[in-house]
C-alpha atoms as a PDB file:
ATOM      1  CA  UNK A   1    -150.264 -46.305   4.118  1.00  0.00           C
ATOM      2  CA  UNK A   2    -149.020 -42.742   4.833  1.00  0.00           C
ATOM      3  CA  UNK A   3    -145.483 -41.770   3.832  1.00  0.00           C
ATOM      4  CA  UNK A   4    -143.238 -40.732   6.753  1.00  0.00           C
ATOM      5  CA  UNK A   5    -141.922 -37.185   6.537  1.00  0.00           C
ATOM      6  CA  UNK A   6    -138.292 -36.584   7.444  1.00  0.00           C
ATOM      7  CA  UNK A   7    -137.608 -34.877  10.798  1.00  0.00           C
ATOM      8  CA  UNK A   8    -136.873 -31.185  10.701  1.00  0.00           C
ATOM      9  CA  UNK A   9    -135.896 -28.479  13.141  1.00  0.00           C
ATOM     10  CA  UNK A  10    -137.553 -25.097  13.195  1.00  0.00           C
ATOM     11  CA  UNK A  11    -135.738 -22.021  14.450  1.00  0.00           C
ATOM     12  CA  UNK A  12    -137.720 -19.000  15.632  1.00  0.00           C
ATOM     13  CA  UNK A  13    -136.048 -15.614  15.488  1.00  0.00           C
ATOM     14  CA  UNK A  14    -138.003 -12.847  17.248  1.00  0.00           C
ATOM     15  CA  UNK A  15    -137.184  -9.139  17.226  1.00  0.00           C
ATOM     16  CA  UNK A  16    -138.923  -6.503  19.185  1.00  0.00           C
ATOM     17  CA  UNK A  17    -141.431  -4.603  17.075  1.00  0.00           C
ATOM     18  CA  UNK A  18    -141.213  -7.080  14.219  1.00  0.00           C
ATOM     19  CA  UNK A  19    -142.910 -10.263  13.250  1.00  0.00           C
ATOM     20  CA  UNK A  20    -141.032 -13.421  14.184  1.00  0.00           C
ATOM     21  CA  UNK A  21    -139.193 -15.273  11.499  1.00  0.00           C
ATOM     22  CA  UNK A  22    -138.887 -19.007  11.279  1.00  0.00           C
ATOM     23  CA  UNK A  23    -136.266 -21.204   9.669  1.00  0.00           C
ATOM     24  CA  UNK A  24    -136.783 -24.857   9.066  1.00  0.00           C
ATOM     25  CA  UNK A  25    -133.684 -27.014   8.944  1.00  0.00           C
ATOM     26  CA  UNK A  26    -133.281 -30.649   8.208  1.00  0.00           C
ATOM     27  CA  UNK A  27    -132.432 -32.827  11.249  1.00  0.00           C
ATOM     28  CA  UNK A  28    -128.983 -33.681   9.895  1.00  0.00           C
ATOM     29  CA  UNK A  29    -127.817 -30.051   9.782  1.00  0.00           C
ATOM     30  CA  UNK A  30    -127.399 -29.568  13.582  1.00  0.00           C
ATOM     31  CA  UNK A  31    -125.702 -32.951  13.782  1.00  0.00           C
ATOM     32  CA  UNK A  32    -123.344 -32.000  10.971  1.00  0.00           C
ATOM     33  CA  UNK A  33    -122.690 -28.680  12.663  1.00  0.00           C
ATOM     34  CA  UNK A  34    -121.836 -30.415  15.934  1.00  0.00           C
ATOM     35  CA  UNK A  35    -119.528 -32.814  14.095  1.00  0.00           C
ATOM     36  CA  UNK A  36    -117.892 -29.886  12.255  1.00  0.00           C
ATOM     37  CA  UNK A  37    -117.373 -27.960  15.486  1.00  0.00           C
ATOM     38  CA  UNK A  38    -115.928 -31.044  17.171  1.00  0.00           C
ATOM     39  CA  UNK A  39    -113.604 -31.656  14.226  1.00  0.00           C
ATOM     40  CA  UNK A  40    -112.605 -27.982  14.132  1.00  0.00           C
ATOM     41  CA  UNK A  41    -111.848 -28.007  17.874  1.00  0.00           C
ATOM     42  CA  UNK A  42    -109.826 -31.218  17.511  1.00  0.00           C
ATOM     43  CA  UNK A  43    -107.897 -29.736  14.582  1.00  0.00           C
ATOM     44  CA  UNK A  44    -107.138 -26.547  16.524  1.00  0.00           C
ATOM     45  CA  UNK A  45    -106.075 -28.608  19.528  1.00  0.00           C
ATOM     46  CA  UNK A  46    -103.813 -30.617  17.247  1.00  0.00           C
ATOM     47  CA  UNK A  47    -102.322 -27.428  15.784  1.00  0.00           C
ATOM     48  CA  UNK A  48    -101.799 -25.986  19.273  1.00  0.00           C
ATOM     49  CA  UNK A  49    -100.029 -29.155  20.405  1.00  0.00           C
ATOM     50  CA  UNK A  50     -97.849 -29.131  17.291  1.00  0.00           C
ATOM     51  CA  UNK A  51     -97.033 -25.462  17.810  1.00  0.00           C
ATOM     52  CA  UNK A  52     -96.103 -26.112  21.435  1.00  0.00           C
ATOM     53  CA  UNK A  53     -93.983 -29.089  20.348  1.00  0.00           C
ATOM     54  CA  UNK A  54     -92.277 -26.965  17.701  1.00  0.00           C
ATOM     55  CA  UNK A  55     -91.578 -24.237  20.267  1.00  0.00           C
ATOM     56  CA  UNK A  56     -90.080 -26.880  22.549  1.00  0.00           C
ATOM     57  CA  UNK A  57     -87.960 -28.215  19.697  1.00  0.00           C
ATOM     58  CA  UNK A  58     -86.817 -24.696  18.827  1.00  0.00           C
ATOM     59  CA  UNK A  59     -85.814 -24.084  22.453  1.00  0.00           C
ATOM     60  CA  UNK A  60     -83.997 -27.415  22.531  1.00  0.00           C
ATOM     61  CA  UNK A  61     -82.290 -26.635  19.244  1.00  0.00           C
ATOM     62  CA  UNK A  62     -81.214 -23.224  20.538  1.00  0.00           C
ATOM     63  CA  UNK A  63     -79.816 -24.894  23.681  1.00  0.00           C
ATOM     64  CA  UNK A  64     -77.952 -27.496  21.621  1.00  0.00           C
ATOM     65  CA  UNK A  65     -76.654 -24.764  19.322  1.00  0.00           C
ATOM     66  CA  UNK A  66     -75.288 -22.858  22.341  1.00  0.00           C
ATOM     67  CA  UNK A  67     -73.653 -26.044  23.673  1.00  0.00           C
ATOM     68  CA  UNK A  68     -72.162 -26.713  20.239  1.00  0.00           C
ATOM     69  CA  UNK A  69     -70.687 -23.197  20.122  1.00  0.00           C
ATOM     70  CA  UNK A  70     -69.192 -23.654  23.586  1.00  0.00           C
ATOM     71  CA  UNK A  71     -67.789 -27.046  22.584  1.00  0.00           C
ATOM     72  CA  UNK A  72     -66.346 -25.531  19.411  1.00  0.00           C
ATOM     73  CA  UNK A  73     -64.641 -22.795  21.420  1.00  0.00           C
ATOM     74  CA  UNK A  74     -63.265 -25.374  23.849  1.00  0.00           C
ATOM     75  CA  UNK A  75     -62.026 -27.523  20.977  1.00  0.00           C
ATOM     76  CA  UNK A  76     -60.334 -24.521  19.364  1.00  0.00           C
ATOM     77  CA  UNK A  77     -58.729 -23.594  22.687  1.00  0.00           C
ATOM     78  CA  UNK A  78     -57.586 -27.202  23.147  1.00  0.00           C
ATOM     79  CA  UNK A  79     -56.230 -27.305  19.606  1.00  0.00           C
ATOM     80  CA  UNK A  80     -54.334 -24.061  20.188  1.00  0.00           C
ATOM     81  CA  UNK A  81     -52.937 -25.438  23.442  1.00  0.00           C
ATOM     82  CA  UNK A  82     -52.044 -28.732  21.768  1.00  0.00           C
ATOM     83  CA  UNK A  83     -50.336 -26.898  18.890  1.00  0.00           C
ATOM     84  CA  UNK A  84     -48.337 -24.834  21.398  1.00  0.00           C
ATOM     85  CA  UNK A  85     -47.360 -27.988  23.293  1.00  0.00           C
ATOM     86  CA  UNK A  86     -46.389 -29.691  20.036  1.00  0.00           C
ATOM     87  CA  UNK A  87     -44.228 -26.723  19.071  1.00  0.00           C
ATOM     88  CA  UNK A  88     -42.605 -26.664  22.507  1.00  0.00           C
ATOM     89  CA  UNK A  89     -42.065 -30.430  22.394  1.00  0.00           C
ATOM     90  CA  UNK A  90     -40.381 -30.113  19.005  1.00  0.00           C
ATOM     91  CA  UNK A  91     -38.118 -27.351  20.337  1.00  0.00           C
ATOM     92  CA  UNK A  92     -37.250 -29.521  23.363  1.00  0.00           C
ATOM     93  CA  UNK A  93     -36.404 -32.429  21.069  1.00  0.00           C
ATOM     94  CA  UNK A  94     -34.223 -30.195  18.877  1.00  0.00           C
ATOM     95  CA  UNK A  95     -32.370 -28.936  21.968  1.00  0.00           C
ATOM     96  CA  UNK A  96     -32.023 -32.518  23.154  1.00  0.00           C
ATOM     97  CA  UNK A  97     -30.583 -33.559  19.798  1.00  0.00           C
ATOM     98  CA  UNK A  98     -28.049 -30.706  19.914  1.00  0.00           C
ATOM     99  CA  UNK A  99     -27.135 -31.652  23.476  1.00  0.00           C
ATOM    100  CA  UNK A 100     -26.800 -35.284  22.418  1.00  0.00           C
ATOM    101  CA  UNK A 101     -24.429 -34.376  19.576  1.00  0.00           C
ATOM    102  CA  UNK A 102     -22.242 -32.234  21.868  1.00  0.00           C
ATOM    103  CA  UNK A 103     -22.164 -34.846  24.648  1.00  0.00           C
ATOM    104  CA  UNK A 104     -21.281 -37.612  22.191  1.00  0.00           C
ATOM    105  CA  UNK A 105     -18.497 -35.453  20.780  1.00  0.00           C
ATOM    106  CA  UNK A 106     -17.084 -35.062  24.289  1.00  0.00           C
ATOM    107  CA  UNK A 107     -17.594 -38.762  25.037  1.00  0.00           C
ATOM    108  CA  UNK A 108     -15.637 -39.676  21.922  1.00  0.00           C
ATOM    109  CA  UNK A 109     -12.792 -37.456  23.091  1.00  0.00           C
ATOM    110  CA  UNK A 110     -12.949 -39.181  26.463  1.00  0.00           C
ATOM    111  CA  UNK A 111     -12.854 -42.626  24.828  1.00  0.00           C
ATOM    112  CA  UNK A 112     -16.403 -43.441  25.926  1.00  0.00           C
ATOM    113  CA  UNK A 113     -19.194 -45.014  23.827  1.00  0.00           C
ATOM    114  CA  UNK A 114     -21.879 -42.855  22.305  1.00  0.00           C
ATOM    115  CA  UNK A 115     -25.250 -42.492  24.005  1.00  0.00           C
ATOM    116  CA  UNK A 116     -28.746 -41.671  22.786  1.00  0.00           C
ATOM    117  CA  UNK A 117     -30.770 -38.950  24.501  1.00  0.00           C
ATOM    118  CA  UNK A 118     -33.594 -38.531  22.017  1.00  0.00           C
ATOM    119  CA  UNK A 119     -36.386 -41.073  22.622  1.00  0.00           C
ATOM    120  CA  UNK A 120     -36.600 -43.847  20.069  1.00  0.00           C
ATOM    121  CA  UNK A 121     -39.660 -43.438  17.908  1.00  0.00           C
ATOM    122  CA  UNK A 122     -41.318 -46.846  17.982  1.00  0.00           C
ATOM    123  CA  UNK A 123     -44.155 -47.610  15.627  1.00  0.00           C
ATOM    124  CA  UNK A 124     -47.713 -48.202  16.833  1.00  0.00           C
ATOM    125  CA  UNK A 125     -48.532 -51.630  18.161  1.00  0.00           C
ATOM    126  CA  UNK A 126     -51.048 -53.896  16.451  1.00  0.00           C
ATOM    127  CA  UNK A 127     -51.689 -54.470  12.743  1.00  0.00           C
ATOM    128  CA  UNK A 128     -49.420 -52.520  10.470  1.00  0.00           C
ATOM    129  CA  UNK A 129     -50.586 -50.236   7.687  1.00  0.00           C
ATOM    130  CA  UNK A 130     -51.922 -46.744   7.246  1.00  0.00           C
ATOM    131  CA  UNK A 131     -50.297 -43.493   8.353  1.00  0.00           C
ATOM    132  CA  UNK A 132     -48.372 -43.556  11.622  1.00  0.00           C
ATOM    133  CA  UNK A 133     -49.682 -41.127  14.208  1.00  0.00           C
ATOM    134  CA  UNK A 134     -47.139 -38.665  15.672  1.00  0.00           C
ATOM    135  CA  UNK A 135     -46.354 -39.097  19.367  1.00  0.00           C
ATOM    136  CA  UNK A 136     -48.330 -36.978  21.776  1.00  0.00           C
ATOM    137  CA  UNK A 137     -46.514 -33.886  23.148  1.00  0.00           C
ATOM    138  CA  UNK A 138     -47.068 -35.109  26.690  1.00  0.00           C
ATOM    139  CA  UNK A 139     -45.395 -38.428  25.878  1.00  0.00           C
ATOM    140  CA  UNK A 140     -42.400 -36.605  24.373  1.00  0.00           C
ATOM    141  CA  UNK A 141     -42.082 -34.411  27.462  1.00  0.00           C
ATOM    142  CA  UNK A 142     -42.196 -37.430  29.775  1.00  0.00           C
ATOM    143  CA  UNK A 143     -39.597 -39.318  27.732  1.00  0.00           C
ATOM    144  CA  UNK A 144     -37.285 -36.307  27.503  1.00  0.00           C
ATOM    145  CA  UNK A 145     -37.590 -35.572  31.235  1.00  0.00           C
ATOM    146  CA  UNK A 146     -36.921 -39.210  32.121  1.00  0.00           C
ATOM    147  CA  UNK A 147     -33.817 -39.278  29.909  1.00  0.00           C
ATOM    148  CA  UNK A 148     -32.531 -35.948  31.205  1.00  0.00           C
ATOM    149  CA  UNK A 149     -33.009 -37.129  34.790  1.00  0.00           C
ATOM    150  CA  UNK A 150     -30.737 -40.078  34.152  1.00  0.00           C
ATOM    151  CA  UNK A 151     -28.278 -37.847  32.347  1.00  0.00           C
ATOM    152  CA  UNK A 152     -26.910 -36.357  35.585  1.00  0.00           C
ATOM    153  CA  UNK A 153     -25.001 -39.526  36.451  1.00  0.00           C
ATOM    154  CA  UNK A 154     -23.708 -39.843  32.882  1.00  0.00           C
ATOM    155  CA  UNK A 155     -22.432 -36.260  32.975  1.00  0.00           C
ATOM    156  CA  UNK A 156     -20.637 -36.924  36.255  1.00  0.00           C
ATOM    157  CA  UNK A 157     -18.813 -39.879  34.731  1.00  0.00           C
ATOM    158  CA  UNK A 158     -18.198 -37.921  31.541  1.00  0.00           C
ATOM    159  CA  UNK A 159     -16.710 -34.999  33.484  1.00  0.00           C
ATOM    160  CA  UNK A 160     -14.288 -37.316  35.302  1.00  0.00           C
ATOM    161  CA  UNK A 161     -13.262 -39.178  32.154  1.00  0.00           C
ATOM    162  CA  UNK A 162     -13.030 -35.997  30.110  1.00  0.00           C
ATOM    163  CA  UNK A 163     -10.900 -34.319  32.752  1.00  0.00           C
ATOM    164  CA  UNK A 164      -8.452 -37.238  32.598  1.00  0.00           C
ATOM    165  CA  UNK A 165      -8.501 -37.051  28.791  1.00  0.00           C
ATOM    166  CA  UNK A 166      -7.813 -33.317  28.806  1.00  0.00           C
ATOM    167  CA  UNK A 167      -4.916 -33.786  31.236  1.00  0.00           C
ATOM    168  CA  UNK A 168      -3.529 -36.506  29.004  1.00  0.00           C
ATOM    169  CA  UNK A 169      -3.928 -34.311  25.924  1.00  0.00           C
ATOM    170  CA  UNK A 170      -2.374 -31.391  27.755  1.00  0.00           C
ATOM    171  CA  UNK A 171       0.660 -33.564  28.564  1.00  0.00           C
ATOM    172  CA  UNK A 172       1.177 -34.237  24.860  1.00  0.00           C
ATOM    173  CA  UNK A 173       4.127 -32.255  23.455  1.00  0.00           C
ATOM    174  CA  UNK A 174       2.790 -29.919  20.794  1.00  0.00           C
ATOM    175  CA  UNK A 175       4.315 -27.372  18.467  1.00  0.00           C
ATOM    176  CA  UNK A 176       7.852 -26.145  17.954  1.00  0.00           C
ATOM    177  CA  UNK A 177      10.288 -25.509  20.812  1.00  0.00           C
ATOM    178  CA  UNK A 178      11.541 -22.362  19.029  1.00  0.00           C
ATOM    179  CA  UNK A 179       9.549 -19.298  17.997  1.00  0.00           C
ATOM    180  CA  UNK A 180      10.040 -18.367  14.362  1.00  0.00           C
ATOM    181  CA  UNK A 181      12.719 -20.972  13.722  1.00  0.00           C
ATOM    182  CA  UNK A 182      11.194 -24.102  12.219  1.00  0.00           C
ATOM    183  CA  UNK A 183      13.847 -25.197   9.700  1.00  0.00           C
ATOM    184  CA  UNK A 184      14.963 -28.742  10.419  1.00  0.00           C
ATOM    185  CA  UNK A 185      18.594 -29.510   9.583  1.00  0.00           C
ATOM    186  CA  UNK A 186      18.628 -33.152  10.725  1.00  0.00           C
ATOM    187  CA  UNK A 187      15.686 -35.542  10.969  1.00  0.00           C
ATOM    188  CA  UNK A 188      14.784 -38.472  13.206  1.00  0.00           C
ATOM    189  CA  UNK A 189      16.282 -41.810  12.139  1.00  0.00           C
ATOM    190  CA  UNK A 190      19.466 -42.974  10.466  1.00  0.00           C
ATOM    191  CA  UNK A 191      21.657 -40.199   9.151  1.00  0.00           C
ATOM    192  CA  UNK A 192      25.160 -39.665   7.873  1.00  0.00           C
ATOM    193  CA  UNK A 193      27.638 -39.128  10.732  1.00  0.00           C
ATOM    194  CA  UNK A 194      28.459 -35.364  10.774  1.00  0.00           C
ATOM    195  CA  UNK A 195      31.839 -36.111  12.451  1.00  0.00           C
ATOM    196  CA  UNK A 196      33.049 -38.774  10.046  1.00  0.00           C
ATOM    197  CA  UNK A 197      33.999 -42.228  11.288  1.00  0.00           C
ATOM    198  CA  UNK A 198      31.082 -44.571  10.941  1.00  0.00           C
ATOM    199  CA  UNK A 199      29.167 -43.728   7.853  1.00  0.00           C
ATOM    200  CA  UNK A 200      25.654 -43.742   9.411  1.00  0.00           C
ATOM    201  CA  UNK A 201      24.265 -43.330  12.912  1.00  0.00           C
ATOM    202  CA  UNK A 202      20.826 -43.213  14.509  1.00  0.00           C
ATOM    203  CA  UNK A 203      19.582 -39.731  15.355  1.00  0.00           C
ATOM    204  CA  UNK A 204      16.911 -39.838  18.092  1.00  0.00           C
ATOM    205  CA  UNK A 205      15.399 -36.395  17.528  1.00  0.00           C
ATOM    206  CA  UNK A 206      15.231 -33.298  15.352  1.00  0.00           C
ATOM    207  CA  UNK A 207      17.831 -30.564  14.952  1.00  0.00           C
ATOM    208  CA  UNK A 208      16.477 -27.022  14.502  1.00  0.00           C
ATOM    209  CA  UNK A 209      18.728 -24.344  13.056  1.00  0.00           C
ATOM    210  CA  UNK A 210      18.621 -21.124  15.135  1.00  0.00           C
ATOM    211  CA  UNK A 211      20.967 -18.265  16.084  1.00  0.00           C
ATOM    212  CA  UNK A 212      23.031 -18.592  19.216  1.00  0.00           C
ATOM    213  CA  UNK A 213      21.051 -17.413  22.283  1.00  0.00           C
ATOM    214  CA  UNK A 214      17.561 -18.001  20.813  1.00  0.00           C
ATOM    215  CA  UNK A 215      15.091 -18.788  23.652  1.00  0.00           C
ATOM    216  CA  UNK A 216      13.933 -22.408  23.901  1.00  0.00           C
ATOM    217  CA  UNK A 217      10.351 -23.043  25.040  1.00  0.00           C
ATOM    218  CA  UNK A 218       8.712 -26.051  26.694  1.00  0.00           C
ATOM    219  CA  UNK A 219       6.309 -27.768  24.311  1.00  0.00           C
ATOM    220  CA  UNK A 220       4.043 -29.032  27.112  1.00  0.00           C
ATOM    221  CA  UNK A 221       3.664 -28.502  30.870  1.00  0.00           C
ATOM    222  CA  UNK A 222       5.926 -30.704  32.934  1.00  0.00           C
ATOM    223  CA  UNK A 223       8.471 -31.104  35.729  1.00  0.00           C
ATOM    224  CA  UNK A 224      12.222 -30.706  35.146  1.00  0.00           C
ATOM    225  CA  UNK A 225      13.848 -34.084  35.837  1.00  0.00           C
ATOM    226  CA  UNK A 226      17.272 -33.239  34.386  1.00  0.00           C
ATOM    227  CA  UNK A 227      19.068 -29.922  33.949  1.00  0.00           C
ATOM    228  CA  UNK A 228      22.807 -29.663  33.315  1.00  0.00           C
ATOM    229  CA  UNK A 229      25.520 -31.410  31.401  1.00  0.00           C
ATOM    230  CA  UNK A 230      24.225 -34.541  29.626  1.00  0.00           C
ATOM    231  CA  UNK A 231      27.014 -36.201  27.644  1.00  0.00           C
ATOM    232  CA  UNK A 232      26.747 -35.684  23.861  1.00  0.00           C
ATOM    233  CA  UNK A 233      23.752 -33.355  24.386  1.00  0.00           C
ATOM    234  CA  UNK A 234      25.925 -30.913  26.324  1.00  0.00           C
ATOM    235  CA  UNK A 235      23.869 -28.527  28.453  1.00  0.00           C
ATOM    236  CA  UNK A 236      20.321 -29.939  28.273  1.00  0.00           C
ATOM    237  CA  UNK A 237      16.951 -29.909  30.037  1.00  0.00           C
ATOM    238  CA  UNK A 238      14.590 -32.880  30.247  1.00  0.00           C
ATOM    239  CA  UNK A 239      10.895 -32.435  31.142  1.00  0.00           C
ATOM    240  CA  UNK A 240       8.565 -35.152  32.406  1.00  0.00           C
ATOM    241  CA  UNK A 241       5.037 -34.411  31.179  1.00  0.00           C
ATOM    242  CA  UNK A 242       3.322 -37.435  32.687  1.00  0.00           C
ATOM    243  CA  UNK A 243       1.418 -40.205  30.889  1.00  0.00           C
ATOM    244  CA  UNK A 244       4.765 -41.589  29.705  1.00  0.00           C
ATOM    245  CA  UNK A 245       5.882 -38.470  27.807  1.00  0.00           C
ATOM    246  CA  UNK A 246       9.278 -36.743  28.178  1.00  0.00           C
ATOM    247  CA  UNK A 247      11.050 -34.153  26.040  1.00  0.00           C
ATOM    248  CA  UNK A 248      14.768 -33.327  25.878  1.00  0.00           C
ATOM    249  CA  UNK A 249      16.283 -29.997  24.747  1.00  0.00           C
ATOM    250  CA  UNK A 250      20.018 -30.277  24.033  1.00  0.00           C
ATOM    251  CA  UNK A 251      23.118 -28.257  23.100  1.00  0.00           C
ATOM    252  CA  UNK A 252      21.944 -25.231  25.153  1.00  0.00           C
ATOM    253  CA  UNK A 253      24.263 -22.304  25.734  1.00  0.00           C
ATOM    254  CA  UNK A 254      22.775 -21.826  29.232  1.00  0.00           C
ATOM    255  CA  UNK A 255      19.968 -23.174  31.343  1.00  0.00           C
ATOM    256  CA  UNK A 256      16.790 -21.412  32.404  1.00  0.00           C
ATOM    257  CA  UNK A 257      15.335 -24.129  34.680  1.00  0.00           C
ATOM    258  CA  UNK A 258      16.391 -26.338  37.578  1.00  0.00           C
ATOM    259  CA  UNK A 259      15.537 -29.892  38.585  1.00  0.00           C
ATOM    260  CA  UNK A 260      12.159 -30.153  40.337  1.00  0.00           C
ATOM    261  CA  UNK A 261      10.816 -26.969  38.820  1.00  0.00           C
ATOM    262  CA  UNK A 262       7.420 -27.150  37.087  1.00  0.00           C
ATOM    263  CA  UNK A 263       7.162 -25.373  33.765  1.00  0.00           C
ATOM    264  CA  UNK A 264       4.074 -24.522  31.768  1.00  0.00           C
ATOM    265  CA  UNK A 265       3.829 -24.899  28.008  1.00  0.00           C
ATOM    266  CA  UNK A 266       5.629 -22.008  26.311  1.00  0.00           C
ATOM    267  CA  UNK A 267       7.908 -21.122  29.252  1.00  0.00           C
ATOM    268  CA  UNK A 268      11.597 -20.523  28.485  1.00  0.00           C
ATOM    269  CA  UNK A 269      13.837 -23.314  29.792  1.00  0.00           C
ATOM    270  CA  UNK A 270      17.132 -22.339  28.159  1.00  0.00           C
ATOM    271  CA  UNK A 271      18.866 -20.754  25.178  1.00  0.00           C
ATOM    272  CA  UNK A 272      20.270 -22.170  21.962  1.00  0.00           C
ATOM    273  CA  UNK A 273      23.992 -22.977  22.001  1.00  0.00           C
ATOM    274  CA  UNK A 274      26.476 -25.505  20.653  1.00  0.00           C
ATOM    275  CA  UNK A 275      27.553 -27.436  23.729  1.00  0.00           C
ATOM    276  CA  UNK A 276      28.293 -31.153  23.679  1.00  0.00           C
ATOM    277  CA  UNK A 277      28.624 -33.083  20.428  1.00  0.00           C
ATOM    278  CA  UNK A 278      27.720 -30.282  18.079  1.00  0.00           C
ATOM    279  CA  UNK A 279      29.047 -28.715  14.900  1.00  0.00           C
ATOM    280  CA  UNK A 280      27.315 -25.338  15.364  1.00  0.00           C
ATOM    281  CA  UNK A 281      24.541 -23.437  17.102  1.00  0.00           C
ATOM    282  CA  UNK A 282      21.285 -25.414  16.950  1.00  0.00           C
ATOM    283  CA  UNK A 283      18.712 -27.102  19.177  1.00  0.00           C
ATOM    284  CA  UNK A 284      18.413 -30.861  19.497  1.00  0.00           C
ATOM    285  CA  UNK A 285      14.821 -31.848  20.360  1.00  0.00           C
ATOM    286  CA  UNK A 286      13.804 -35.362  21.452  1.00  0.00           C
ATOM    287  CA  UNK A 287      10.347 -36.729  22.306  1.00  0.00           C
ATOM    288  CA  UNK A 288      10.224 -39.913  24.387  1.00  0.00           C
ATOM    289  CA  UNK A 289       7.202 -42.161  24.951  1.00  0.00           C
ATOM    290  CA  UNK A 290       7.683 -44.553  27.907  1.00  0.00           C
ATOM    291  CA  UNK A 291      11.452 -44.176  27.610  1.00  0.00           C
ATOM    292  CA  UNK A 292      11.633 -44.785  23.846  1.00  0.00           C
ATOM    293  CA  UNK A 293      12.498 -41.968  21.457  1.00  0.00           C
ATOM    294  CA  UNK A 294       9.819 -41.361  18.826  1.00  0.00           C
ATOM    295  CA  UNK A 295       9.765 -39.109  15.762  1.00  0.00           C
ATOM    296  CA  UNK A 296       8.974 -35.552  17.024  1.00  0.00           C
ATOM    297  CA  UNK A 297       7.426 -34.627  13.667  1.00  0.00           C
ATOM    298  CA  UNK A 298       4.229 -36.426  14.771  1.00  0.00           C
ATOM    299  CA  UNK A 299       3.844 -33.760  17.484  1.00  0.00           C
ATOM    300  CA  UNK A 300       4.489 -30.724  15.316  1.00  0.00           C
ATOM    301  CA  UNK A 301       1.657 -28.671  13.747  1.00  0.00           C
END
């Protein structure tokens, strides 16, 4: 039996003017070459696809990077704006606190209860624990604006009450009725009788030593309700200051006011003398509260 020879391929290469040359190749070589070329083409196609995919990813990454930069700029701008709003909100709250302190000071003078303008800082709702977050600037602005809106009515009431308080305070006798003469020679209360007789008597005012003819000044604004001779007080002037207050200035040498006349604090109403029940030139000064004489020292500086 004859042995089968393996298949082979013969290549002829011819060149003009030269003898042809032949090459004999095994049958598997062309097949291997075809497989190699197919594999090489597939590999190159794979590399091209990967390169295209990488280019696409690079373009996408560049786009995302640009968006990230824009977002970063927007976040920085928002942070700057938020910081400015926070600073402004803090300044508003400081101004509101100062306004609150001043208003409460005036309300106390007017006999009114204190109020709160600054918003109460309530803690976050839900489970407790961790660091408390500061209130948003917008929330602070809204709270402050809401409170300031309602403040208009409070200020109207405060103005009315404060005006009444100031008028009442203005009606209070204050200071000395003489300028530069503050020595008291006889005090309010029981004293030894300067004329003998009964050993002690009640003195319903203060006696100020002063030279004859020294001007006497009103210690508060008021209306003259008495001017002229007044028994033991001699020539005297009585002022009604309102709110239950009256003052009497006695032993005057002459009068400088008439009944019905309105005097302001500090105006001259007469001059020191020694008329009436007196042992020498001086001024008798009485302060009355709802018709009852009280110690004038409480109304002196």
